[in-house]
Amino acid sequence: AGIFMPKKLTVSSIEIIDDGSNESGYIIIKNKDNNIVSYLGVGKGGRGILTLKNQLGETKINISSNESGGYFKANDLSNQQSVYINN
């Protein structure tokens, strides 16, 4: 067992979505209320994205690639963009 191996892993739902012929797809993690709380994938534009959401399914953090290289975006409690770093 590695040093970073969890002692216990409890997840309500993990889905792997193949979004069709445009080569996009996601790994989606849902909480016990069936809300998406995180996903990692490749969008229709061929860009990778990691999204973290709160327990209600509201997006709080996006990390992705774009034309300039990449960006990091975080939202505050009222779901307004509070931090945006674009490369």
PDB file of N, CA and C in Angstrom:
ATOM      1  N   ALA A   1       0.848  -1.187   0.000  1.00  0.00           N
ATOM      2  CA  ALA A   1       0.000   0.000   0.000  1.00  0.00           C
ATOM      3  C   ALA A   1       0.882   1.234   0.000  1.00  0.00           C
ATOM      4  N   GLY A   2       0.580   2.171  -0.874  1.00  0.00           N
ATOM      5  CA  GLY A   2       1.344   3.405  -0.978  1.00  0.00           C
ATOM      6  C   GLY A   2       0.997   4.370   0.133  1.00  0.00           C
ATOM      7  N   ILE A   3       1.825   5.361   0.301  1.00  0.00           N
ATOM      8  CA  ILE A   3       1.642   6.341   1.370  1.00  0.00           C
ATOM      9  C   ILE A   3       0.382   7.185   1.170  1.00  0.00           C
ATOM     10  N   PHE A   4      -0.032   7.377  -0.088  1.00  0.00           N
ATOM     11  CA  PHE A   4      -1.193   8.211  -0.366  1.00  0.00           C
ATOM     12  C   PHE A   4      -2.464   7.390  -0.583  1.00  0.00           C
ATOM     13  N   MET A   5      -2.410   6.101  -0.338  1.00  0.00           N
ATOM     14  CA  MET A   5      -3.592   5.262  -0.513  1.00  0.00           C
ATOM     15  C   MET A   5      -4.607   5.566   0.581  1.00  0.00           C
ATOM     16  N   PRO A   6      -5.872   5.812   0.214  1.00  0.00           N
ATOM     17  CA  PRO A   6      -6.880   6.088   1.239  1.00  0.00           C
ATOM     18  C   PRO A   6      -7.205   4.842   2.048  1.00  0.00           C
ATOM     19  N   LYS A   7      -7.507   5.042   3.293  1.00  0.00           N
ATOM     20  CA  LYS A   7      -7.928   3.937   4.152  1.00  0.00           C
ATOM     21  C   LYS A   7      -9.342   3.516   3.781  1.00  0.00           C
ATOM     22  N   LYS A   8     -10.163   4.510   3.376  1.00  0.00           N
ATOM     23  CA  LYS A   8     -11.550   4.241   3.013  1.00  0.00           C
ATOM     24  C   LYS A   8     -11.943   5.203   1.905  1.00  0.00           C
ATOM     25  N   LEU A   9     -12.590   4.708   0.891  1.00  0.00           N
ATOM     26  CA  LEU A   9     -13.067   5.541  -0.212  1.00  0.00           C
ATOM     27  C   LEU A   9     -14.560   5.294  -0.360  1.00  0.00           C
ATOM     28  N   THR A  10     -15.354   6.338  -0.132  1.00  0.00           N
ATOM     29  CA  THR A  10     -16.802   6.233  -0.271  1.00  0.00           C
ATOM     30  C   THR A  10     -17.262   7.246  -1.296  1.00  0.00           C
ATOM     31  N   VAL A  11     -17.834   6.774  -2.370  1.00  0.00           N
ATOM     32  CA  VAL A  11     -18.322   7.628  -3.440  1.00  0.00           C
ATOM     33  C   VAL A  11     -19.713   7.134  -3.806  1.00  0.00           C
ATOM     34  N   SER A  12     -20.640   8.057  -3.978  1.00  0.00           N
ATOM     35  CA  SER A  12     -21.999   7.655  -4.334  1.00  0.00           C
ATOM     36  C   SER A  12     -22.091   7.195  -5.780  1.00  0.00           C
ATOM     37  N   SER A  13     -21.383   7.891  -6.684  1.00  0.00           N
ATOM     38  CA  SER A  13     -21.499   7.541  -8.097  1.00  0.00           C
ATOM     39  C   SER A  13     -20.288   8.051  -8.861  1.00  0.00           C
ATOM     40  N   ILE A  14     -19.716   7.207  -9.683  1.00  0.00           N
ATOM     41  CA  ILE A  14     -18.682   7.615 -10.623  1.00  0.00           C
ATOM     42  C   ILE A  14     -19.150   7.152 -11.996  1.00  0.00           C
ATOM     43  N   GLU A  15     -19.221   8.082 -12.947  1.00  0.00           N
ATOM     44  CA  GLU A  15     -19.654   7.753 -14.297  1.00  0.00           C
ATOM     45  C   GLU A  15     -18.556   8.128 -15.282  1.00  0.00           C
ATOM     46  N   ILE A  16     -18.391   7.323 -16.301  1.00  0.00           N
ATOM     47  CA  ILE A  16     -17.487   7.643 -17.403  1.00  0.00           C
ATOM     48  C   ILE A  16     -18.362   7.849 -18.624  1.00  0.00           C
ATOM     49  N   ILE A  17     -18.351   9.079 -19.157  1.00  0.00           N
ATOM     50  CA  ILE A  17     -19.237   9.464 -20.251  1.00  0.00           C
ATOM     51  C   ILE A  17     -18.424   9.634 -21.532  1.00  0.00           C
ATOM     52  N   ASP A  18     -18.780   8.895 -22.556  1.00  0.00           N
ATOM     53  CA  ASP A  18     -18.225   9.092 -23.889  1.00  0.00           C
ATOM     54  C   ASP A  18     -19.243   9.944 -24.628  1.00  0.00           C
ATOM     55  N   ASP A  19     -18.853  11.167 -24.988  1.00  0.00           N
ATOM     56  CA  ASP A  19     -19.804  12.121 -25.553  1.00  0.00           C
ATOM     57  C   ASP A  19     -19.904  12.029 -27.070  1.00  0.00           C
ATOM     58  N   GLY A  20     -19.521  10.905 -27.645  1.00  0.00           N
ATOM     59  CA  GLY A  20     -19.759  10.687 -29.067  1.00  0.00           C
ATOM     60  C   GLY A  20     -18.551  10.863 -29.959  1.00  0.00           C
ATOM     61  N   SER A  21     -18.838  11.106 -31.220  1.00  0.00           N
ATOM     62  CA  SER A  21     -17.810  11.088 -32.261  1.00  0.00           C
ATOM     63  C   SER A  21     -16.856  12.280 -32.203  1.00  0.00           C
ATOM     64  N   ASN A  22     -17.177  13.314 -31.405  1.00  0.00           N
ATOM     65  CA  ASN A  22     -16.279  14.471 -31.338  1.00  0.00           C
ATOM     66  C   ASN A  22     -15.135  14.253 -30.353  1.00  0.00           C
ATOM     67  N   GLU A  23     -14.978  13.013 -29.876  1.00  0.00           N
ATOM     68  CA  GLU A  23     -13.872  12.626 -29.000  1.00  0.00           C
ATOM     69  C   GLU A  23     -13.873  13.365 -27.675  1.00  0.00           C
ATOM     70  N   SER A  24     -15.034  13.786 -27.199  1.00  0.00           N
ATOM     71  CA  SER A  24     -15.114  14.384 -25.870  1.00  0.00           C
ATOM     72  C   SER A  24     -15.666  13.346 -24.911  1.00  0.00           C
ATOM     73  N   GLY A  25     -15.363  13.536 -23.653  1.00  0.00           N
ATOM     74  CA  GLY A  25     -15.852  12.623 -22.632  1.00  0.00           C
ATOM     75  C   GLY A  25     -15.404  13.069 -21.260  1.00  0.00           C
ATOM     76  N   TYR A  26     -16.030  12.516 -20.232  1.00  0.00           N
ATOM     77  CA  TYR A  26     -15.792  12.962 -18.869  1.00  0.00           C
ATOM     78  C   TYR A  26     -15.819  11.804 -17.893  1.00  0.00           C
ATOM     79  N   ILE A  27     -15.109  11.983 -16.804  1.00  0.00           N
ATOM     80  CA  ILE A  27     -15.283  11.166 -15.608  1.00  0.00           C
ATOM     81  C   ILE A  27     -16.026  12.071 -14.638  1.00  0.00           C
ATOM     82  N   ILE A  28     -17.214  11.648 -14.208  1.00  0.00           N
ATOM     83  CA  ILE A  28     -18.081  12.460 -13.368  1.00  0.00           C
ATOM     84  C   ILE A  28     -18.236  11.786 -12.014  1.00  0.00           C
ATOM     85  N   ILE A  29     -18.114  12.569 -10.944  1.00  0.00           N
ATOM     86  CA  ILE A  29     -18.339  12.072  -9.594  1.00  0.00           C
ATOM     87  C   ILE A  29     -19.545  12.802  -9.022  1.00  0.00           C
ATOM     88  N   LYS A  30     -20.513  12.026  -8.511  1.00  0.00           N
ATOM     89  CA  LYS A  30     -21.727  12.591  -7.926  1.00  0.00           C
ATOM     90  C   LYS A  30     -21.771  12.289  -6.430  1.00  0.00           C
ATOM     91  N   ASN A  31     -22.433  13.198  -5.682  1.00  0.00           N
ATOM     92  CA  ASN A  31     -22.591  12.959  -4.250  1.00  0.00           C
ATOM     93  C   ASN A  31     -23.860  12.157  -3.982  1.00  0.00           C
ATOM     94  N   LYS A  32     -24.181  11.956  -2.706  1.00  0.00           N
ATOM     95  CA  LYS A  32     -25.324  11.124  -2.334  1.00  0.00           C
ATOM     96  C   LYS A  32     -26.650  11.709  -2.799  1.00  0.00           C
ATOM     97  N   ASP A  33     -26.682  13.033  -3.066  1.00  0.00           N
ATOM     98  CA  ASP A  33     -27.899  13.688  -3.561  1.00  0.00           C
ATOM     99  C   ASP A  33     -27.982  13.672  -5.084  1.00  0.00           C
ATOM    100  N   ASN A  34     -27.073  12.937  -5.724  1.00  0.00           N
ATOM    101  CA  ASN A  34     -27.008  12.794  -7.174  1.00  0.00           C
ATOM    102  C   ASN A  34     -26.612  14.084  -7.888  1.00  0.00           C
ATOM    103  N   ASN A  35     -25.973  15.018  -7.166  1.00  0.00           N
ATOM    104  CA  ASN A  35     -25.440  16.234  -7.780  1.00  0.00           C
ATOM    105  C   ASN A  35     -24.000  15.992  -8.202  1.00  0.00           C
ATOM    106  N   ILE A  36     -23.630  16.480  -9.378  1.00  0.00           N
ATOM    107  CA  ILE A  36     -22.240  16.372  -9.825  1.00  0.00           C
ATOM    108  C   ILE A  36     -21.391  17.264  -8.929  1.00  0.00           C
ATOM    109  N   VAL A  37     -20.336  16.708  -8.320  1.00  0.00           N
ATOM    110  CA  VAL A  37     -19.440  17.496  -7.487  1.00  0.00           C
ATOM    111  C   VAL A  37     -18.064  17.668  -8.123  1.00  0.00           C
ATOM    112  N   SER A  38     -17.746  16.859  -9.112  1.00  0.00           N
ATOM    113  CA  SER A  38     -16.465  16.998  -9.788  1.00  0.00           C
ATOM    114  C   SER A  38     -16.523  16.291 -11.136  1.00  0.00           C
ATOM    115  N   TYR A  39     -15.825  16.876 -12.110  1.00  0.00           N
ATOM    116  CA  TYR A  39     -15.623  16.122 -13.341  1.00  0.00           C
ATOM    117  C   TYR A  39     -14.296  16.490 -13.973  1.00  0.00           C
ATOM    118  N   LEU A  40     -13.764  15.527 -14.683  1.00  0.00           N
ATOM    119  CA  LEU A  40     -12.489  15.648 -15.372  1.00  0.00           C
ATOM    120  C   LEU A  40     -12.725  15.129 -16.773  1.00  0.00           C
ATOM    121  N   GLY A  41     -12.343  15.905 -17.772  1.00  0.00           N
ATOM    122  CA  GLY A  41     -12.615  15.416 -19.109  1.00  0.00           C
ATOM    123  C   GLY A  41     -12.026  16.243 -20.218  1.00  0.00           C
ATOM    124  N   VAL A  42     -12.479  15.923 -21.406  1.00  0.00           N
ATOM    125  CA  VAL A  42     -12.104  16.633 -22.617  1.00  0.00           C
ATOM    126  C   VAL A  42     -13.397  17.116 -23.252  1.00  0.00           C
ATOM    127  N   GLY A  43     -13.502  18.435 -23.470  1.00  0.00           N
ATOM    128  CA  GLY A  43     -14.713  19.011 -24.040  1.00  0.00           C
ATOM    129  C   GLY A  43     -14.769  18.881 -25.543  1.00  0.00           C
ATOM    130  N   LYS A  44     -15.852  19.364 -26.120  1.00  0.00           N
ATOM    131  CA  LYS A  44     -16.062  19.273 -27.562  1.00  0.00           C
ATOM    132  C   LYS A  44     -15.001  20.019 -28.354  1.00  0.00           C
ATOM    133  N   GLY A  45     -14.368  21.035 -27.739  1.00  0.00           N
ATOM    134  CA  GLY A  45     -13.301  21.770 -28.402  1.00  0.00           C
ATOM    135  C   GLY A  45     -11.945  21.096 -28.277  1.00  0.00           C
ATOM    136  N   GLY A  46     -11.901  19.898 -27.677  1.00  0.00           N
ATOM    137  CA  GLY A  46     -10.645  19.169 -27.531  1.00  0.00           C
ATOM    138  C   GLY A  46      -9.798  19.640 -26.371  1.00  0.00           C
ATOM    139  N   ARG A  47     -10.355  20.485 -25.521  1.00  0.00           N
ATOM    140  CA  ARG A  47      -9.598  21.017 -24.382  1.00  0.00           C
ATOM    141  C   ARG A  47      -9.899  20.229 -23.122  1.00  0.00           C
ATOM    142  N   GLY A  48      -8.882  20.017 -22.328  1.00  0.00           N
ATOM    143  CA  GLY A  48      -9.076  19.341 -21.047  1.00  0.00           C
ATOM    144  C   GLY A  48      -9.653  20.293 -20.017  1.00  0.00           C
ATOM    145  N   ILE A  49     -10.434  19.747 -19.085  1.00  0.00           N
ATOM    146  CA  ILE A  49     -11.006  20.569 -18.037  1.00  0.00           C
ATOM    147  C   ILE A  49     -11.181  19.755 -16.761  1.00  0.00           C
ATOM    148  N   LEU A  50     -10.910  20.405 -15.635  1.00  0.00           N
ATOM    149  CA  LEU A  50     -11.189  19.867 -14.316  1.00  0.00           C
ATOM    150  C   LEU A  50     -12.132  20.850 -13.645  1.00  0.00           C
ATOM    151  N   THR A  51     -13.280  20.389 -13.202  1.00  0.00           N
ATOM    152  CA  THR A  51     -14.264  21.243 -12.551  1.00  0.00           C
ATOM    153  C   THR A  51     -14.606  20.668 -11.184  1.00  0.00           C
ATOM    154  N   LEU A  52     -14.599  21.541 -10.175  1.00  0.00           N
ATOM    155  CA  LEU A  52     -15.005  21.166  -8.825  1.00  0.00           C
ATOM    156  C   LEU A  52     -16.241  21.975  -8.470  1.00  0.00           C
ATOM    157  N   LYS A  53     -17.250  21.304  -7.948  1.00  0.00           N
ATOM    158  CA  LYS A  53     -18.512  21.945  -7.612  1.00  0.00           C
ATOM    159  C   LYS A  53     -18.780  21.785  -6.120  1.00  0.00           C
ATOM    160  N   ASN A  54     -19.706  22.585  -5.575  1.00  0.00           N
ATOM    161  CA  ASN A  54     -20.086  22.395  -4.181  1.00  0.00           C
ATOM    162  C   ASN A  54     -21.123  21.277  -4.081  1.00  0.00           C
ATOM    163  N   GLN A  55     -21.621  21.015  -2.892  1.00  0.00           N
ATOM    164  CA  GLN A  55     -22.550  19.904  -2.688  1.00  0.00           C
ATOM    165  C   GLN A  55     -23.877  20.088  -3.410  1.00  0.00           C
ATOM    166  N   LEU A  56     -24.183  21.331  -3.847  1.00  0.00           N
ATOM    167  CA  LEU A  56     -25.411  21.593  -4.586  1.00  0.00           C
ATOM    168  C   LEU A  56     -25.224  21.453  -6.091  1.00  0.00           C
ATOM    169  N   GLY A  57     -23.986  21.268  -6.515  1.00  0.00           N
ATOM    170  CA  GLY A  57     -23.705  21.134  -7.943  1.00  0.00           C
ATOM    171  C   GLY A  57     -23.326  22.440  -8.615  1.00  0.00           C
ATOM    172  N   GLU A  58     -23.100  23.516  -7.829  1.00  0.00           N
ATOM    173  CA  GLU A  58     -22.695  24.809  -8.390  1.00  0.00           C
ATOM    174  C   GLU A  58     -21.193  24.820  -8.617  1.00  0.00           C
ATOM    175  N   THR A  59     -20.756  25.237  -9.802  1.00  0.00           N
ATOM    176  CA  THR A  59     -19.336  25.254 -10.126  1.00  0.00           C
ATOM    177  C   THR A  59     -18.597  26.249  -9.241  1.00  0.00           C
ATOM    178  N   LYS A  60     -17.517  25.805  -8.615  1.00  0.00           N
ATOM    179  CA  LYS A  60     -16.691  26.661  -7.768  1.00  0.00           C
ATOM    180  C   LYS A  60     -15.297  26.856  -8.345  1.00  0.00           C
ATOM    181  N   ILE A  61     -14.744  25.850  -9.012  1.00  0.00           N
ATOM    182  CA  ILE A  61     -13.397  25.957  -9.583  1.00  0.00           C
ATOM    183  C   ILE A  61     -13.367  25.293 -10.948  1.00  0.00           C
ATOM    184  N   ASN A  62     -12.800  25.978 -11.925  1.00  0.00           N
ATOM    185  CA  ASN A  62     -12.517  25.421 -13.245  1.00  0.00           C
ATOM    186  C   ASN A  62     -11.026  25.584 -13.528  1.00  0.00           C
ATOM    187  N   ILE A  63     -10.410  24.539 -13.994  1.00  0.00           N
ATOM    188  CA  ILE A  63      -9.039  24.589 -14.492  1.00  0.00           C
ATOM    189  C   ILE A  63      -9.091  23.990 -15.888  1.00  0.00           C
ATOM    190  N   SER A  64      -8.618  24.747 -16.880  1.00  0.00           N
ATOM    191  CA  SER A  64      -8.743  24.252 -18.250  1.00  0.00           C
ATOM    192  C   SER A  64      -7.665  24.835 -19.147  1.00  0.00           C
ATOM    193  N   SER A  65      -7.575  24.287 -20.332  1.00  0.00           N
ATOM    194  CA  SER A  65      -6.703  24.833 -21.363  1.00  0.00           C
ATOM    195  C   SER A  65      -7.516  25.784 -22.231  1.00  0.00           C
ATOM    196  N   ASN A  66      -6.843  26.726 -22.870  1.00  0.00           N
ATOM    197  CA  ASN A  66      -7.496  27.629 -23.822  1.00  0.00           C
ATOM    198  C   ASN A  66      -6.474  28.074 -24.868  1.00  0.00           C
ATOM    199  N   GLU A  67      -6.831  29.038 -25.686  1.00  0.00           N
ATOM    200  CA  GLU A  67      -5.949  29.486 -26.768  1.00  0.00           C
ATOM    201  C   GLU A  67      -4.612  30.016 -26.253  1.00  0.00           C
ATOM    202  N   SER A  68      -4.615  30.578 -25.045  1.00  0.00           N
ATOM    203  CA  SER A  68      -3.405  31.176 -24.479  1.00  0.00           C
ATOM    204  C   SER A  68      -2.573  30.182 -23.683  1.00  0.00           C
ATOM    205  N   GLY A  69      -3.063  29.007 -23.475  1.00  0.00           N
ATOM    206  CA  GLY A  69      -2.341  28.010 -22.689  1.00  0.00           C
ATOM    207  C   GLY A  69      -3.237  27.377 -21.646  1.00  0.00           C
ATOM    208  N   GLY A  70      -3.833  28.203 -20.776  1.00  0.00           N
ATOM    209  CA  GLY A  70      -4.700  27.655 -19.752  1.00  0.00           C
ATOM    210  C   GLY A  70      -5.242  28.731 -18.833  1.00  0.00           C
ATOM    211  N   TYR A  71      -6.189  28.353 -17.988  1.00  0.00           N
ATOM    212  CA  TYR A  71      -6.747  29.300 -17.036  1.00  0.00           C
ATOM    213  C   TYR A  71      -7.202  28.588 -15.769  1.00  0.00           C
ATOM    214  N   PHE A  72      -7.341  29.384 -14.718  1.00  0.00           N
ATOM    215  CA  PHE A  72      -7.883  28.944 -13.433  1.00  0.00           C
ATOM    216  C   PHE A  72      -8.968  29.937 -13.060  1.00  0.00           C
ATOM    217  N   LYS A  73     -10.152  29.456 -12.733  1.00  0.00           N
ATOM    218  CA  LYS A  73     -11.248  30.339 -12.349  1.00  0.00           C
ATOM    219  C   LYS A  73     -11.903  29.794 -11.092  1.00  0.00           C
ATOM    220  N   ALA A  74     -12.141  30.671 -10.104  1.00  0.00           N
ATOM    221  CA  ALA A  74     -12.821  30.275  -8.871  1.00  0.00           C
ATOM    222  C   ALA A  74     -13.981  31.222  -8.611  1.00  0.00           C
ATOM    223  N   ASN A  75     -15.067  30.677  -8.078  1.00  0.00           N
ATOM    224  CA  ASN A  75     -16.253  31.464  -7.750  1.00  0.00           C
ATOM    225  C   ASN A  75     -16.403  31.578  -6.236  1.00  0.00           C
ATOM    226  N   ASP A  76     -16.968  32.715  -5.775  1.00  0.00           N
ATOM    227  CA  ASP A  76     -17.189  32.932  -4.348  1.00  0.00           C
ATOM    228  C   ASP A  76     -18.512  32.301  -3.901  1.00  0.00           C
ATOM    229  N   LEU A  77     -18.910  32.581  -2.652  1.00  0.00           N
ATOM    230  CA  LEU A  77     -20.125  31.987  -2.091  1.00  0.00           C
ATOM    231  C   LEU A  77     -21.384  32.359  -2.856  1.00  0.00           C
ATOM    232  N   SER A  78     -21.415  33.549  -3.452  1.00  0.00           N
ATOM    233  CA  SER A  78     -22.593  33.964  -4.217  1.00  0.00           C
ATOM    234  C   SER A  78     -22.495  33.546  -5.687  1.00  0.00           C
ATOM    235  N   ASN A  79     -21.531  32.684  -5.972  1.00  0.00           N
ATOM    236  CA  ASN A  79     -21.306  32.120  -7.311  1.00  0.00           C
ATOM    237  C   ASN A  79     -20.848  33.160  -8.328  1.00  0.00           C
ATOM    238  N   GLN A  80     -20.246  34.233  -7.856  1.00  0.00           N
ATOM    239  CA  GLN A  80     -19.647  35.228  -8.735  1.00  0.00           C
ATOM    240  C   GLN A  80     -18.170  34.909  -8.903  1.00  0.00           C
ATOM    241  N   GLN A  81     -17.624  35.179 -10.082  1.00  0.00           N
ATOM    242  CA  GLN A  81     -16.201  34.939 -10.318  1.00  0.00           C
ATOM    243  C   GLN A  81     -15.387  35.787  -9.362  1.00  0.00           C
ATOM    244  N   SER A  82     -14.542  35.153  -8.559  1.00  0.00           N
ATOM    245  CA  SER A  82     -13.733  35.888  -7.598  1.00  0.00           C
ATOM    246  C   SER A  82     -12.247  35.866  -7.954  1.00  0.00           C
ATOM    247  N   VAL A  83     -11.812  34.846  -8.650  1.00  0.00           N
ATOM    248  CA  VAL A  83     -10.414  34.745  -9.084  1.00  0.00           C
ATOM    249  C   VAL A  83     -10.403  34.216 -10.517  1.00  0.00           C
ATOM    250  N   TYR A  84      -9.619  34.882 -11.365  1.00  0.00           N
ATOM    251  CA  TYR A  84      -9.453  34.399 -12.735  1.00  0.00           C
ATOM    252  C   TYR A  84      -7.998  34.635 -13.105  1.00  0.00           C
ATOM    253  N   ILE A  85      -7.294  33.559 -13.404  1.00  0.00           N
ATOM    254  CA  ILE A  85      -5.899  33.651 -13.831  1.00  0.00           C
ATOM    255  C   ILE A  85      -5.817  33.013 -15.204  1.00  0.00           C
ATOM    256  N   ASN A  86      -5.415  33.813 -16.178  1.00  0.00           N
ATOM    257  CA  ASN A  86      -5.344  33.351 -17.562  1.00  0.00           C
ATOM    258  C   ASN A  86      -3.903  33.432 -18.012  1.00  0.00           C
ATOM    259  N   ASN A  87      -3.394  32.358 -18.570  1.00  0.00           N
ATOM    260  CA  ASN A  87      -2.018  32.339 -19.062  1.00  0.00           C
ATOM    261  C   ASN A  87      -1.965  32.948 -20.437  1.00  0.00           C
TER     262      ASN A  87
END
